N, C-alpha and C. Protein backbone atom coordinates (compact mmCIF):
# COMPACT_ATOMS: atom_id res chain seq x y z
N MET A 1 7.46 35.82 36.80
CA MET A 1 6.76 36.53 35.73
C MET A 1 5.72 35.63 35.08
N LYS A 2 4.57 36.20 34.75
CA LYS A 2 3.54 35.45 34.04
C LYS A 2 4.01 35.17 32.62
N LYS A 3 3.65 34.01 32.12
CA LYS A 3 4.03 33.61 30.77
C LYS A 3 3.00 34.09 29.75
N ALA A 4 3.47 34.39 28.55
CA ALA A 4 2.57 34.75 27.45
C ALA A 4 3.14 34.19 26.16
N VAL A 5 2.26 33.72 25.29
CA VAL A 5 2.65 33.27 23.96
C VAL A 5 2.54 34.45 23.01
N ILE A 6 3.59 34.67 22.23
CA ILE A 6 3.62 35.78 21.27
C ILE A 6 3.71 35.21 19.86
N LEU A 7 2.73 35.50 19.02
CA LEU A 7 2.81 35.09 17.62
C LEU A 7 3.82 35.99 16.93
N LEU A 8 4.96 35.41 16.53
CA LEU A 8 6.08 36.18 16.01
C LEU A 8 6.37 35.78 14.57
N SER A 9 5.95 36.63 13.63
CA SER A 9 6.15 36.32 12.22
C SER A 9 7.53 36.74 11.74
N GLY A 10 8.13 37.71 12.41
CA GLY A 10 9.37 38.30 11.93
C GLY A 10 9.16 39.68 11.33
N GLY A 11 7.90 40.10 11.29
CA GLY A 11 7.57 41.40 10.73
C GLY A 11 7.62 42.51 11.77
N LEU A 12 7.39 43.70 11.28
CA LEU A 12 7.44 44.91 12.11
C LEU A 12 6.41 44.85 13.24
N ASP A 13 5.20 44.46 12.92
CA ASP A 13 4.13 44.46 13.92
C ASP A 13 4.38 43.43 15.02
N SER A 14 4.74 42.22 14.64
CA SER A 14 4.91 41.18 15.65
C SER A 14 6.12 41.46 16.53
N ALA A 15 7.17 42.09 15.98
CA ALA A 15 8.32 42.46 16.79
C ALA A 15 7.92 43.49 17.85
N THR A 16 7.10 44.46 17.44
CA THR A 16 6.62 45.47 18.38
C THR A 16 5.73 44.83 19.43
N CYS A 17 4.93 43.87 19.02
CA CYS A 17 4.04 43.16 19.94
C CYS A 17 4.86 42.43 21.01
N LEU A 18 5.95 41.80 20.60
CA LEU A 18 6.82 41.12 21.55
C LEU A 18 7.40 42.11 22.56
N ALA A 19 7.86 43.26 22.07
CA ALA A 19 8.42 44.28 22.96
C ALA A 19 7.37 44.78 23.95
N LEU A 20 6.14 44.94 23.49
CA LEU A 20 5.06 45.40 24.35
C LEU A 20 4.73 44.37 25.43
N ALA A 21 4.74 43.10 25.07
CA ALA A 21 4.47 42.04 26.06
C ALA A 21 5.53 42.06 27.16
N ARG A 22 6.78 42.26 26.75
CA ARG A 22 7.85 42.35 27.75
C ARG A 22 7.66 43.58 28.64
N GLU A 23 7.28 44.71 28.02
CA GLU A 23 7.07 45.93 28.80
C GLU A 23 5.94 45.74 29.80
N GLU A 24 4.95 44.94 29.45
CA GLU A 24 3.81 44.72 30.33
C GLU A 24 4.06 43.63 31.37
N GLY A 25 5.31 43.16 31.44
CA GLY A 25 5.70 42.28 32.52
C GLY A 25 5.59 40.79 32.27
N PHE A 26 5.40 40.40 31.02
CA PHE A 26 5.27 38.99 30.71
C PHE A 26 6.61 38.35 30.33
N SER A 27 6.73 37.09 30.63
CA SER A 27 7.84 36.27 30.14
C SER A 27 7.40 35.70 28.80
N PRO A 28 7.98 36.16 27.68
CA PRO A 28 7.44 35.81 26.37
C PRO A 28 7.94 34.47 25.82
N TYR A 29 7.02 33.73 25.25
CA TYR A 29 7.33 32.49 24.53
C TYR A 29 6.86 32.70 23.09
N ALA A 30 7.80 32.79 22.18
CA ALA A 30 7.48 33.12 20.79
C ALA A 30 7.06 31.87 20.02
N LEU A 31 6.14 32.07 19.09
CA LEU A 31 5.67 30.99 18.22
C LEU A 31 5.63 31.50 16.78
N SER A 32 6.36 30.82 15.90
CA SER A 32 6.42 31.20 14.49
C SER A 32 6.04 30.01 13.64
N PHE A 33 5.68 30.29 12.37
CA PHE A 33 5.17 29.24 11.49
C PHE A 33 5.87 29.23 10.13
N ARG A 34 6.27 28.07 9.72
CA ARG A 34 6.67 27.82 8.33
C ARG A 34 5.45 27.18 7.67
N TYR A 35 4.67 28.02 6.97
CA TYR A 35 3.38 27.53 6.49
C TYR A 35 3.28 27.44 4.96
N GLY A 36 4.44 27.52 4.31
CA GLY A 36 4.45 27.48 2.85
C GLY A 36 4.44 28.85 2.25
N GLN A 37 4.71 29.89 3.06
CA GLN A 37 4.71 31.26 2.58
C GLN A 37 5.89 31.50 1.63
N ARG A 38 5.65 32.28 0.59
CA ARG A 38 6.71 32.57 -0.36
C ARG A 38 7.76 33.48 0.26
N HIS A 39 7.42 34.17 1.33
CA HIS A 39 8.37 35.05 2.01
C HIS A 39 8.90 34.38 3.28
N GLU A 40 9.32 33.11 3.15
CA GLU A 40 9.80 32.34 4.29
C GLU A 40 11.04 32.97 4.93
N PHE A 41 11.67 33.89 4.21
CA PHE A 41 12.82 34.61 4.76
C PHE A 41 12.47 35.28 6.09
N GLU A 42 11.18 35.54 6.32
CA GLU A 42 10.76 36.19 7.55
C GLU A 42 11.10 35.36 8.79
N LEU A 43 11.28 34.05 8.64
CA LEU A 43 11.60 33.23 9.80
C LEU A 43 13.01 33.50 10.32
N ASP A 44 13.93 33.85 9.41
CA ASP A 44 15.26 34.27 9.87
C ASP A 44 15.14 35.55 10.70
N SER A 45 14.24 36.42 10.28
CA SER A 45 13.99 37.64 11.04
C SER A 45 13.38 37.32 12.40
N ALA A 46 12.46 36.38 12.43
CA ALA A 46 11.83 35.99 13.70
C ALA A 46 12.88 35.49 14.69
N LYS A 47 13.81 34.68 14.21
CA LYS A 47 14.88 34.19 15.09
C LYS A 47 15.73 35.34 15.61
N ALA A 48 16.07 36.27 14.72
CA ALA A 48 16.92 37.40 15.11
C ALA A 48 16.21 38.30 16.12
N ILE A 49 14.91 38.53 15.91
CA ILE A 49 14.14 39.37 16.83
C ILE A 49 14.02 38.70 18.19
N ALA A 50 13.74 37.40 18.19
CA ALA A 50 13.62 36.67 19.45
C ALA A 50 14.92 36.75 20.24
N SER A 51 16.05 36.65 19.55
CA SER A 51 17.35 36.74 20.20
C SER A 51 17.62 38.16 20.70
N SER A 52 17.26 39.16 19.89
CA SER A 52 17.53 40.55 20.23
C SER A 52 16.71 41.02 21.43
N LEU A 53 15.43 40.71 21.44
CA LEU A 53 14.54 41.19 22.50
C LEU A 53 14.51 40.26 23.71
N GLY A 54 14.89 39.01 23.50
CA GLY A 54 14.93 38.06 24.59
C GLY A 54 13.59 37.37 24.81
N VAL A 55 13.59 36.05 24.65
CA VAL A 55 12.39 35.26 24.89
C VAL A 55 12.76 34.07 25.78
N SER A 56 11.77 33.54 26.43
CA SER A 56 11.99 32.37 27.28
C SER A 56 11.94 31.08 26.48
N GLY A 57 11.38 31.15 25.29
CA GLY A 57 11.32 30.00 24.39
C GLY A 57 10.86 30.47 23.02
N HIS A 58 11.26 29.73 22.00
CA HIS A 58 10.83 30.06 20.64
C HIS A 58 10.63 28.77 19.87
N VAL A 59 9.39 28.53 19.47
CA VAL A 59 9.03 27.35 18.68
C VAL A 59 8.71 27.79 17.26
N ILE A 60 9.31 27.13 16.28
CA ILE A 60 8.96 27.30 14.87
C ILE A 60 8.35 26.00 14.40
N THR A 61 7.09 26.03 14.01
CA THR A 61 6.41 24.80 13.63
C THR A 61 5.96 24.86 12.17
N ASN A 62 5.72 23.70 11.59
CA ASN A 62 5.42 23.58 10.17
C ASN A 62 3.95 23.29 9.92
N ILE A 63 3.35 24.07 9.02
CA ILE A 63 1.99 23.84 8.54
C ILE A 63 2.01 24.06 7.02
N ASP A 64 1.47 23.15 6.25
CA ASP A 64 1.53 23.29 4.80
C ASP A 64 0.24 23.89 4.25
N LEU A 65 0.15 25.21 4.27
CA LEU A 65 -1.04 25.86 3.71
C LEU A 65 -0.97 25.98 2.18
N ARG A 66 0.18 25.64 1.60
CA ARG A 66 0.26 25.58 0.14
C ARG A 66 -0.59 24.43 -0.41
N ALA A 67 -0.91 23.48 0.43
CA ALA A 67 -1.77 22.37 0.01
C ALA A 67 -3.14 22.87 -0.42
N PHE A 68 -3.56 24.02 0.15
CA PHE A 68 -4.84 24.62 -0.20
C PHE A 68 -4.67 25.78 -1.18
N GLY A 69 -3.61 26.55 -1.02
CA GLY A 69 -3.41 27.72 -1.87
C GLY A 69 -4.44 28.78 -1.57
N GLY A 70 -4.90 29.45 -2.63
CA GLY A 70 -5.93 30.46 -2.47
C GLY A 70 -5.45 31.82 -2.05
N SER A 71 -4.13 32.02 -2.02
CA SER A 71 -3.56 33.31 -1.62
C SER A 71 -2.29 33.55 -2.41
N ALA A 72 -1.99 34.81 -2.65
CA ALA A 72 -0.74 35.14 -3.35
C ALA A 72 0.48 34.79 -2.50
N LEU A 73 0.27 34.54 -1.21
CA LEU A 73 1.40 34.17 -0.34
C LEU A 73 1.65 32.68 -0.33
N THR A 74 0.67 31.88 -0.74
CA THR A 74 0.82 30.42 -0.66
C THR A 74 0.46 29.71 -1.97
N ASP A 75 0.35 30.45 -3.04
CA ASP A 75 -0.08 29.87 -4.31
C ASP A 75 0.67 30.57 -5.44
N ASP A 76 0.54 30.04 -6.66
CA ASP A 76 1.20 30.64 -7.81
C ASP A 76 0.35 31.79 -8.36
N ILE A 77 0.19 32.79 -7.53
CA ILE A 77 -0.58 33.99 -7.86
C ILE A 77 0.34 35.18 -7.67
N ASP A 78 0.33 36.11 -8.61
CA ASP A 78 1.20 37.27 -8.50
C ASP A 78 0.83 38.13 -7.29
N VAL A 79 1.84 38.57 -6.57
CA VAL A 79 1.63 39.50 -5.47
C VAL A 79 1.35 40.88 -6.07
N PRO A 80 0.27 41.53 -5.67
CA PRO A 80 -0.04 42.86 -6.21
C PRO A 80 1.08 43.85 -5.90
N LYS A 81 1.35 44.72 -6.85
CA LYS A 81 2.41 45.71 -6.70
C LYS A 81 1.88 47.11 -6.99
N ASP A 82 2.46 48.08 -6.31
CA ASP A 82 2.19 49.51 -6.53
C ASP A 82 0.71 49.86 -6.42
N SER A 83 0.03 49.28 -5.44
CA SER A 83 -1.37 49.62 -5.19
C SER A 83 -1.45 51.01 -4.57
N ASP A 84 -2.56 51.70 -4.82
CA ASP A 84 -2.74 52.98 -4.13
C ASP A 84 -3.33 52.71 -2.75
N GLU A 85 -3.36 53.73 -1.91
CA GLU A 85 -3.80 53.54 -0.53
C GLU A 85 -5.24 53.04 -0.44
N PHE A 86 -6.09 53.50 -1.36
CA PHE A 86 -7.49 53.10 -1.31
C PHE A 86 -7.62 51.59 -1.55
N SER A 87 -6.93 51.08 -2.54
CA SER A 87 -7.06 49.66 -2.86
C SER A 87 -6.41 48.80 -1.79
N ILE A 88 -5.42 49.34 -1.07
CA ILE A 88 -4.79 48.59 0.00
C ILE A 88 -5.78 48.36 1.14
N THR A 89 -6.60 49.35 1.44
CA THR A 89 -7.39 49.29 2.66
C THR A 89 -8.86 48.94 2.48
N GLU A 90 -9.39 49.00 1.27
CA GLU A 90 -10.83 48.84 1.10
C GLU A 90 -11.27 47.40 0.83
N ASP A 91 -10.53 46.64 0.07
CA ASP A 91 -10.96 45.31 -0.33
C ASP A 91 -10.14 44.22 0.38
N ILE A 92 -10.71 43.02 0.41
CA ILE A 92 -9.94 41.89 0.92
C ILE A 92 -8.90 41.53 -0.14
N PRO A 93 -7.63 41.74 0.14
CA PRO A 93 -6.59 41.54 -0.88
C PRO A 93 -6.30 40.06 -1.12
N ILE A 94 -5.70 39.79 -2.27
CA ILE A 94 -5.37 38.41 -2.63
C ILE A 94 -4.25 37.87 -1.74
N THR A 95 -3.61 38.75 -0.96
CA THR A 95 -2.59 38.30 -0.01
C THR A 95 -3.21 37.76 1.28
N TYR A 96 -4.51 37.89 1.43
CA TYR A 96 -5.19 37.26 2.57
C TYR A 96 -5.06 35.74 2.45
N VAL A 97 -4.56 35.10 3.51
CA VAL A 97 -4.43 33.64 3.54
C VAL A 97 -5.64 33.07 4.28
N PRO A 98 -6.47 32.28 3.61
CA PRO A 98 -7.70 31.79 4.22
C PRO A 98 -7.49 31.13 5.58
N ALA A 99 -8.17 31.66 6.58
CA ALA A 99 -8.22 31.11 7.95
C ALA A 99 -6.87 31.12 8.66
N ARG A 100 -5.89 31.89 8.14
CA ARG A 100 -4.54 31.82 8.72
C ARG A 100 -4.52 32.19 10.21
N ASN A 101 -5.15 33.29 10.58
CA ASN A 101 -5.09 33.69 11.99
C ASN A 101 -5.83 32.71 12.89
N THR A 102 -6.89 32.10 12.37
CA THR A 102 -7.59 31.09 13.16
C THR A 102 -6.69 29.89 13.41
N ILE A 103 -5.95 29.49 12.39
CA ILE A 103 -5.01 28.37 12.53
C ILE A 103 -3.89 28.75 13.49
N PHE A 104 -3.31 29.94 13.31
CA PHE A 104 -2.21 30.36 14.16
C PHE A 104 -2.64 30.49 15.62
N LEU A 105 -3.81 31.08 15.84
CA LEU A 105 -4.29 31.24 17.21
C LEU A 105 -4.61 29.89 17.86
N SER A 106 -5.07 28.94 17.07
CA SER A 106 -5.35 27.61 17.62
C SER A 106 -4.06 26.95 18.10
N PHE A 107 -2.99 27.08 17.30
CA PHE A 107 -1.70 26.53 17.72
C PHE A 107 -1.19 27.27 18.96
N SER A 108 -1.35 28.59 18.98
CA SER A 108 -0.86 29.35 20.13
C SER A 108 -1.64 28.97 21.39
N LEU A 109 -2.90 28.64 21.21
CA LEU A 109 -3.73 28.21 22.34
C LEU A 109 -3.21 26.90 22.93
N ALA A 110 -2.85 25.97 22.04
CA ALA A 110 -2.28 24.70 22.50
C ALA A 110 -0.95 24.92 23.22
N TYR A 111 -0.11 25.77 22.65
CA TYR A 111 1.19 26.07 23.26
C TYR A 111 0.99 26.72 24.63
N ALA A 112 0.04 27.65 24.72
CA ALA A 112 -0.23 28.33 25.99
C ALA A 112 -0.66 27.34 27.06
N GLU A 113 -1.52 26.40 26.70
CA GLU A 113 -1.97 25.41 27.68
C GLU A 113 -0.82 24.56 28.20
N VAL A 114 0.06 24.18 27.31
CA VAL A 114 1.17 23.31 27.69
C VAL A 114 2.14 24.01 28.64
N ILE A 115 2.41 25.31 28.40
CA ILE A 115 3.38 26.02 29.25
C ILE A 115 2.71 26.71 30.43
N GLY A 116 1.40 26.61 30.53
CA GLY A 116 0.70 27.21 31.65
C GLY A 116 0.51 28.71 31.53
N ALA A 117 0.24 29.17 30.31
CA ALA A 117 0.02 30.60 30.07
C ALA A 117 -1.46 30.86 29.79
N ASN A 118 -1.95 31.99 30.26
CA ASN A 118 -3.33 32.39 29.97
C ASN A 118 -3.40 33.54 28.97
N ASP A 119 -2.22 34.02 28.53
CA ASP A 119 -2.17 35.22 27.70
C ASP A 119 -1.51 34.93 26.36
N ILE A 120 -2.13 35.44 25.30
CA ILE A 120 -1.63 35.28 23.93
C ILE A 120 -1.62 36.66 23.28
N TYR A 121 -0.50 36.99 22.65
CA TYR A 121 -0.36 38.27 21.95
C TYR A 121 -0.32 38.03 20.45
N ILE A 122 -1.11 38.81 19.71
CA ILE A 122 -1.10 38.75 18.25
C ILE A 122 -1.13 40.18 17.71
N GLY A 123 -0.31 40.46 16.71
CA GLY A 123 -0.15 41.82 16.21
C GLY A 123 -1.11 42.20 15.10
N VAL A 124 -2.37 41.82 15.21
CA VAL A 124 -3.34 42.19 14.18
C VAL A 124 -3.63 43.68 14.25
N ASN A 125 -4.05 44.22 13.12
CA ASN A 125 -4.31 45.65 13.01
C ASN A 125 -5.56 45.88 12.18
N ALA A 126 -6.47 46.67 12.71
CA ALA A 126 -7.75 46.91 12.03
C ALA A 126 -7.73 48.19 11.20
N LEU A 127 -6.62 48.92 11.22
CA LEU A 127 -6.52 50.15 10.43
C LEU A 127 -5.82 49.86 9.10
N ASP A 128 -4.64 49.26 9.15
CA ASP A 128 -3.98 48.81 7.93
C ASP A 128 -4.55 47.45 7.57
N TYR A 129 -4.89 47.24 6.30
CA TYR A 129 -5.49 45.98 5.85
C TYR A 129 -6.79 45.69 6.60
N SER A 130 -7.66 46.69 6.73
CA SER A 130 -8.92 46.48 7.43
C SER A 130 -9.81 45.47 6.72
N GLY A 131 -9.48 45.12 5.48
CA GLY A 131 -10.27 44.14 4.76
C GLY A 131 -10.00 42.71 5.17
N TYR A 132 -8.95 42.47 5.95
CA TYR A 132 -8.68 41.10 6.40
C TYR A 132 -9.74 40.71 7.44
N PRO A 133 -10.56 39.70 7.16
CA PRO A 133 -11.64 39.38 8.09
C PRO A 133 -11.16 38.87 9.44
N ASP A 134 -9.96 38.28 9.49
CA ASP A 134 -9.46 37.73 10.75
C ASP A 134 -8.56 38.69 11.51
N CYS A 135 -8.70 40.00 11.22
CA CYS A 135 -8.00 41.03 11.97
C CYS A 135 -8.97 41.95 12.71
N ARG A 136 -10.26 41.66 12.60
CA ARG A 136 -11.27 42.54 13.19
C ARG A 136 -11.43 42.29 14.69
N PRO A 137 -11.74 43.31 15.47
CA PRO A 137 -11.93 43.14 16.92
C PRO A 137 -13.00 42.12 17.26
N GLU A 138 -14.09 42.09 16.48
CA GLU A 138 -15.16 41.14 16.79
C GLU A 138 -14.72 39.69 16.57
N TYR A 139 -13.80 39.49 15.63
CA TYR A 139 -13.25 38.14 15.42
C TYR A 139 -12.41 37.73 16.62
N ILE A 140 -11.53 38.62 17.07
CA ILE A 140 -10.67 38.31 18.21
C ILE A 140 -11.51 38.02 19.45
N LYS A 141 -12.55 38.81 19.67
CA LYS A 141 -13.44 38.59 20.81
C LYS A 141 -14.10 37.22 20.73
N SER A 142 -14.55 36.85 19.54
CA SER A 142 -15.21 35.55 19.36
C SER A 142 -14.24 34.40 19.59
N PHE A 143 -13.00 34.56 19.09
CA PHE A 143 -12.01 33.49 19.30
C PHE A 143 -11.70 33.36 20.79
N GLN A 144 -11.59 34.47 21.48
CA GLN A 144 -11.32 34.41 22.92
C GLN A 144 -12.44 33.69 23.66
N ASN A 145 -13.68 33.99 23.28
CA ASN A 145 -14.81 33.29 23.89
C ASN A 145 -14.74 31.79 23.63
N MET A 146 -14.42 31.42 22.40
CA MET A 146 -14.29 30.01 22.06
C MET A 146 -13.16 29.35 22.86
N ALA A 147 -12.03 30.07 23.00
CA ALA A 147 -10.88 29.52 23.72
C ALA A 147 -11.23 29.17 25.16
N ASN A 148 -12.08 29.97 25.76
CA ASN A 148 -12.44 29.72 27.15
C ASN A 148 -13.51 28.64 27.30
N LEU A 149 -14.08 28.23 26.19
CA LEU A 149 -15.01 27.10 26.21
C LEU A 149 -14.33 25.79 25.84
N ALA A 150 -13.25 25.89 25.09
CA ALA A 150 -12.67 24.69 24.46
C ALA A 150 -11.40 24.18 25.12
N THR A 151 -10.94 24.80 26.18
CA THR A 151 -9.66 24.41 26.77
C THR A 151 -9.81 24.10 28.27
N ARG A 152 -8.92 23.27 28.75
CA ARG A 152 -8.87 22.98 30.18
C ARG A 152 -8.59 24.24 30.97
N ALA A 153 -7.67 25.07 30.43
CA ALA A 153 -7.30 26.30 31.13
C ALA A 153 -8.52 27.21 31.30
N GLY A 154 -9.37 27.26 30.27
CA GLY A 154 -10.55 28.10 30.34
C GLY A 154 -11.60 27.59 31.31
N VAL A 155 -11.69 26.26 31.43
CA VAL A 155 -12.74 25.67 32.26
C VAL A 155 -12.27 25.46 33.70
N GLU A 156 -11.03 24.95 33.86
CA GLU A 156 -10.55 24.59 35.19
C GLU A 156 -9.44 25.50 35.70
N GLY A 157 -8.90 26.35 34.86
CA GLY A 157 -7.75 27.15 35.23
C GLY A 157 -8.07 28.25 36.21
N ASP A 158 -6.99 28.87 36.73
CA ASP A 158 -7.14 29.96 37.69
C ASP A 158 -7.61 31.26 37.03
N GLY A 159 -7.39 31.37 35.74
CA GLY A 159 -7.81 32.57 35.03
C GLY A 159 -8.22 32.23 33.62
N SER A 160 -8.93 33.13 32.98
CA SER A 160 -9.41 32.86 31.62
C SER A 160 -8.34 33.20 30.60
N ILE A 161 -8.48 32.64 29.39
CA ILE A 161 -7.60 32.94 28.28
C ILE A 161 -7.87 34.35 27.78
N ILE A 162 -6.81 35.14 27.60
CA ILE A 162 -6.95 36.51 27.10
C ILE A 162 -6.11 36.64 25.83
N ILE A 163 -6.75 37.11 24.75
CA ILE A 163 -6.05 37.38 23.50
C ILE A 163 -5.75 38.88 23.48
N HIS A 164 -4.48 39.22 23.54
CA HIS A 164 -4.06 40.63 23.55
C HIS A 164 -3.80 41.11 22.12
N THR A 165 -4.37 42.26 21.78
CA THR A 165 -4.17 42.85 20.45
C THR A 165 -3.77 44.32 20.62
N PRO A 166 -2.58 44.59 21.15
CA PRO A 166 -2.20 45.97 21.50
C PRO A 166 -2.06 46.90 20.31
N LEU A 167 -1.95 46.36 19.09
CA LEU A 167 -1.73 47.20 17.92
C LEU A 167 -3.00 47.44 17.11
N ILE A 168 -4.11 46.90 17.54
CA ILE A 168 -5.27 46.79 16.67
C ILE A 168 -5.81 48.15 16.22
N ASN A 169 -5.66 49.18 17.03
CA ASN A 169 -6.16 50.51 16.66
C ASN A 169 -5.04 51.52 16.43
N MET A 170 -3.84 51.03 16.14
CA MET A 170 -2.70 51.90 15.91
C MET A 170 -2.38 52.00 14.43
N THR A 171 -1.95 53.16 13.98
CA THR A 171 -1.45 53.30 12.62
C THR A 171 -0.06 52.70 12.55
N LYS A 172 0.42 52.49 11.33
CA LYS A 172 1.77 51.95 11.18
C LYS A 172 2.80 52.90 11.79
N ALA A 173 2.58 54.20 11.61
CA ALA A 173 3.50 55.18 12.18
C ALA A 173 3.51 55.10 13.71
N GLU A 174 2.34 54.96 14.31
CA GLU A 174 2.26 54.85 15.77
C GLU A 174 2.95 53.59 16.27
N ILE A 175 2.81 52.51 15.51
CA ILE A 175 3.47 51.25 15.89
C ILE A 175 4.98 51.43 15.85
N ILE A 176 5.49 52.04 14.79
CA ILE A 176 6.93 52.26 14.65
C ILE A 176 7.45 53.17 15.76
N ARG A 177 6.71 54.22 16.05
CA ARG A 177 7.12 55.15 17.11
C ARG A 177 7.21 54.42 18.46
N LYS A 178 6.19 53.62 18.76
CA LYS A 178 6.18 52.89 20.03
C LYS A 178 7.30 51.87 20.08
N GLY A 179 7.50 51.13 19.01
CA GLY A 179 8.55 50.14 18.98
C GLY A 179 9.93 50.74 19.13
N THR A 180 10.12 51.89 18.50
CA THR A 180 11.40 52.59 18.63
C THR A 180 11.66 52.98 20.07
N GLN A 181 10.63 53.45 20.77
CA GLN A 181 10.75 53.80 22.18
C GLN A 181 11.12 52.58 23.03
N LEU A 182 10.66 51.40 22.60
CA LEU A 182 10.92 50.18 23.35
C LEU A 182 12.21 49.49 22.93
N GLY A 183 12.93 50.07 21.99
CA GLY A 183 14.21 49.53 21.59
C GLY A 183 14.16 48.43 20.54
N VAL A 184 13.06 48.35 19.79
CA VAL A 184 12.98 47.36 18.72
C VAL A 184 13.95 47.73 17.60
N ASP A 185 14.77 46.78 17.18
CA ASP A 185 15.70 46.99 16.07
C ASP A 185 14.98 46.59 14.78
N TYR A 186 14.42 47.57 14.08
CA TYR A 186 13.63 47.25 12.90
C TYR A 186 14.48 46.80 11.71
N SER A 187 15.80 46.91 11.82
CA SER A 187 16.66 46.37 10.76
C SER A 187 16.63 44.85 10.75
N LEU A 188 16.17 44.25 11.85
CA LEU A 188 16.08 42.79 11.94
C LEU A 188 14.77 42.26 11.37
N THR A 189 13.79 43.14 11.18
CA THR A 189 12.46 42.70 10.76
C THR A 189 12.37 42.53 9.25
N HIS A 190 11.31 41.87 8.82
CA HIS A 190 11.08 41.63 7.40
C HIS A 190 9.60 41.73 7.13
N SER A 191 9.21 42.54 6.15
CA SER A 191 7.79 42.75 5.87
C SER A 191 7.35 42.35 4.48
N CYS A 192 8.28 42.29 3.54
CA CYS A 192 7.96 42.12 2.13
C CYS A 192 7.27 40.79 1.83
N TYR A 193 6.24 40.85 0.98
CA TYR A 193 5.52 39.65 0.55
C TYR A 193 6.18 38.95 -0.64
N ASP A 194 7.04 39.64 -1.34
CA ASP A 194 7.64 39.06 -2.55
C ASP A 194 9.12 39.45 -2.64
N PRO A 195 9.94 39.02 -1.66
CA PRO A 195 11.33 39.43 -1.63
C PRO A 195 12.17 38.73 -2.70
N ASN A 196 13.33 39.30 -2.99
CA ASN A 196 14.30 38.65 -3.86
C ASN A 196 14.87 37.42 -3.16
N VAL A 197 15.61 36.63 -3.88
CA VAL A 197 16.13 35.38 -3.32
C VAL A 197 17.06 35.63 -2.13
N ASP A 198 17.68 36.81 -2.09
CA ASP A 198 18.57 37.14 -0.97
C ASP A 198 17.84 37.81 0.18
N GLY A 199 16.51 37.92 0.07
CA GLY A 199 15.72 38.52 1.13
C GLY A 199 15.51 40.01 1.00
N THR A 200 16.09 40.63 -0.02
CA THR A 200 15.90 42.06 -0.23
C THR A 200 14.43 42.36 -0.53
N SER A 201 13.90 43.37 0.13
CA SER A 201 12.48 43.71 -0.04
C SER A 201 12.24 44.35 -1.41
N CYS A 202 11.05 44.06 -1.98
CA CYS A 202 10.75 44.55 -3.34
C CYS A 202 10.46 46.04 -3.36
N GLY A 203 9.85 46.56 -2.28
CA GLY A 203 9.51 47.97 -2.23
C GLY A 203 8.22 48.34 -2.94
N HIS A 204 7.49 47.35 -3.48
CA HIS A 204 6.30 47.64 -4.28
C HIS A 204 5.04 46.91 -3.81
N CYS A 205 5.18 45.85 -3.02
CA CYS A 205 3.99 45.14 -2.55
C CYS A 205 3.30 45.97 -1.46
N ASP A 206 2.08 45.59 -1.12
CA ASP A 206 1.32 46.36 -0.13
C ASP A 206 2.05 46.45 1.21
N ALA A 207 2.68 45.34 1.63
CA ALA A 207 3.37 45.34 2.91
C ALA A 207 4.53 46.34 2.91
N CYS A 208 5.29 46.36 1.83
CA CYS A 208 6.40 47.32 1.71
C CYS A 208 5.89 48.76 1.69
N LEU A 209 4.83 49.01 0.91
CA LEU A 209 4.31 50.37 0.78
C LEU A 209 3.81 50.91 2.11
N LEU A 210 3.09 50.07 2.87
CA LEU A 210 2.59 50.51 4.16
C LEU A 210 3.72 50.74 5.16
N ARG A 211 4.71 49.87 5.09
CA ARG A 211 5.87 50.02 5.97
C ARG A 211 6.61 51.32 5.67
N LEU A 212 6.89 51.57 4.40
CA LEU A 212 7.61 52.79 4.01
C LEU A 212 6.81 54.04 4.37
N LYS A 213 5.50 53.97 4.18
CA LYS A 213 4.64 55.09 4.54
C LYS A 213 4.71 55.36 6.05
N GLY A 214 4.72 54.31 6.85
CA GLY A 214 4.79 54.48 8.29
C GLY A 214 6.07 55.14 8.74
N PHE A 215 7.20 54.69 8.19
CA PHE A 215 8.48 55.30 8.56
C PHE A 215 8.54 56.77 8.12
N LYS A 216 7.99 57.05 6.95
CA LYS A 216 7.99 58.43 6.47
C LYS A 216 7.18 59.32 7.39
N GLU A 217 6.00 58.85 7.81
CA GLU A 217 5.12 59.65 8.65
C GLU A 217 5.71 59.91 10.03
N VAL A 218 6.52 58.98 10.52
CA VAL A 218 7.12 59.18 11.84
C VAL A 218 8.45 59.92 11.75
N GLY A 219 8.90 60.19 10.53
CA GLY A 219 10.12 60.96 10.33
C GLY A 219 11.39 60.17 10.51
N LEU A 220 11.34 58.86 10.26
CA LEU A 220 12.51 58.01 10.38
C LEU A 220 12.80 57.34 9.04
N THR A 221 14.02 56.89 8.88
CA THR A 221 14.42 56.16 7.68
C THR A 221 14.30 54.65 7.93
N ASP A 222 13.62 53.98 7.06
CA ASP A 222 13.51 52.52 7.16
C ASP A 222 14.90 51.91 7.01
N PRO A 223 15.36 51.12 7.97
CA PRO A 223 16.71 50.57 7.91
C PRO A 223 16.88 49.42 6.92
N LEU A 224 15.79 48.95 6.31
CA LEU A 224 15.91 47.83 5.38
C LEU A 224 16.42 48.32 4.01
N THR A 225 17.00 47.37 3.27
CA THR A 225 17.42 47.62 1.90
C THR A 225 16.33 47.16 0.95
N TYR A 226 16.01 47.99 -0.03
CA TYR A 226 14.99 47.66 -1.02
C TYR A 226 15.63 47.50 -2.39
N SER A 227 14.98 46.70 -3.23
CA SER A 227 15.55 46.42 -4.55
C SER A 227 15.62 47.67 -5.40
N ASP A 228 14.67 48.61 -5.20
CA ASP A 228 14.73 49.91 -5.90
C ASP A 228 15.20 50.97 -4.93
């Protein structure tokens, strides 16, 4: 089986992305990050998902993005709560972590070269949180072009580096429906940006609201427990 690196945060989208990579015939190698996020509980979810779906390897690496801050996820900034749908999708939210996907993709590129993989999966989405600049198709295309200029695999390898974004044009409901068909156990996932100390989701941040909306639209009950 061909190898692929899967960026696995522990959230709903990345879990579905892992399942899709397996369905498409890849041997998945998961990569997760402890980057100073206030919702570090998601890493326990990443481990559980990797175990549940089966991976050939799982690396959790440390990056201290709290050293820079600038985001409600890595700084002493309140996470927005109870936003309406318009404010969730129109502006770049304070939960955007500066250059995060560029950093994550760079690490995944290094991991891919070491294990001999030409394929990288990332669960970015251009419909939900369309204001995130590093979730846009043109950004992914540009990074892929750069990857094939900057790596041995791109210059001397048998094939070029491909960044897979299977969720980029899917709604949250469509993602949940597809993941359910593939056997993803969403009770293992974690989406909340501001969970309680025990990992219970707040139910009010943008991530929780979009998740709950997706489950409602697909006619399923979210298996997670919420504080309210």
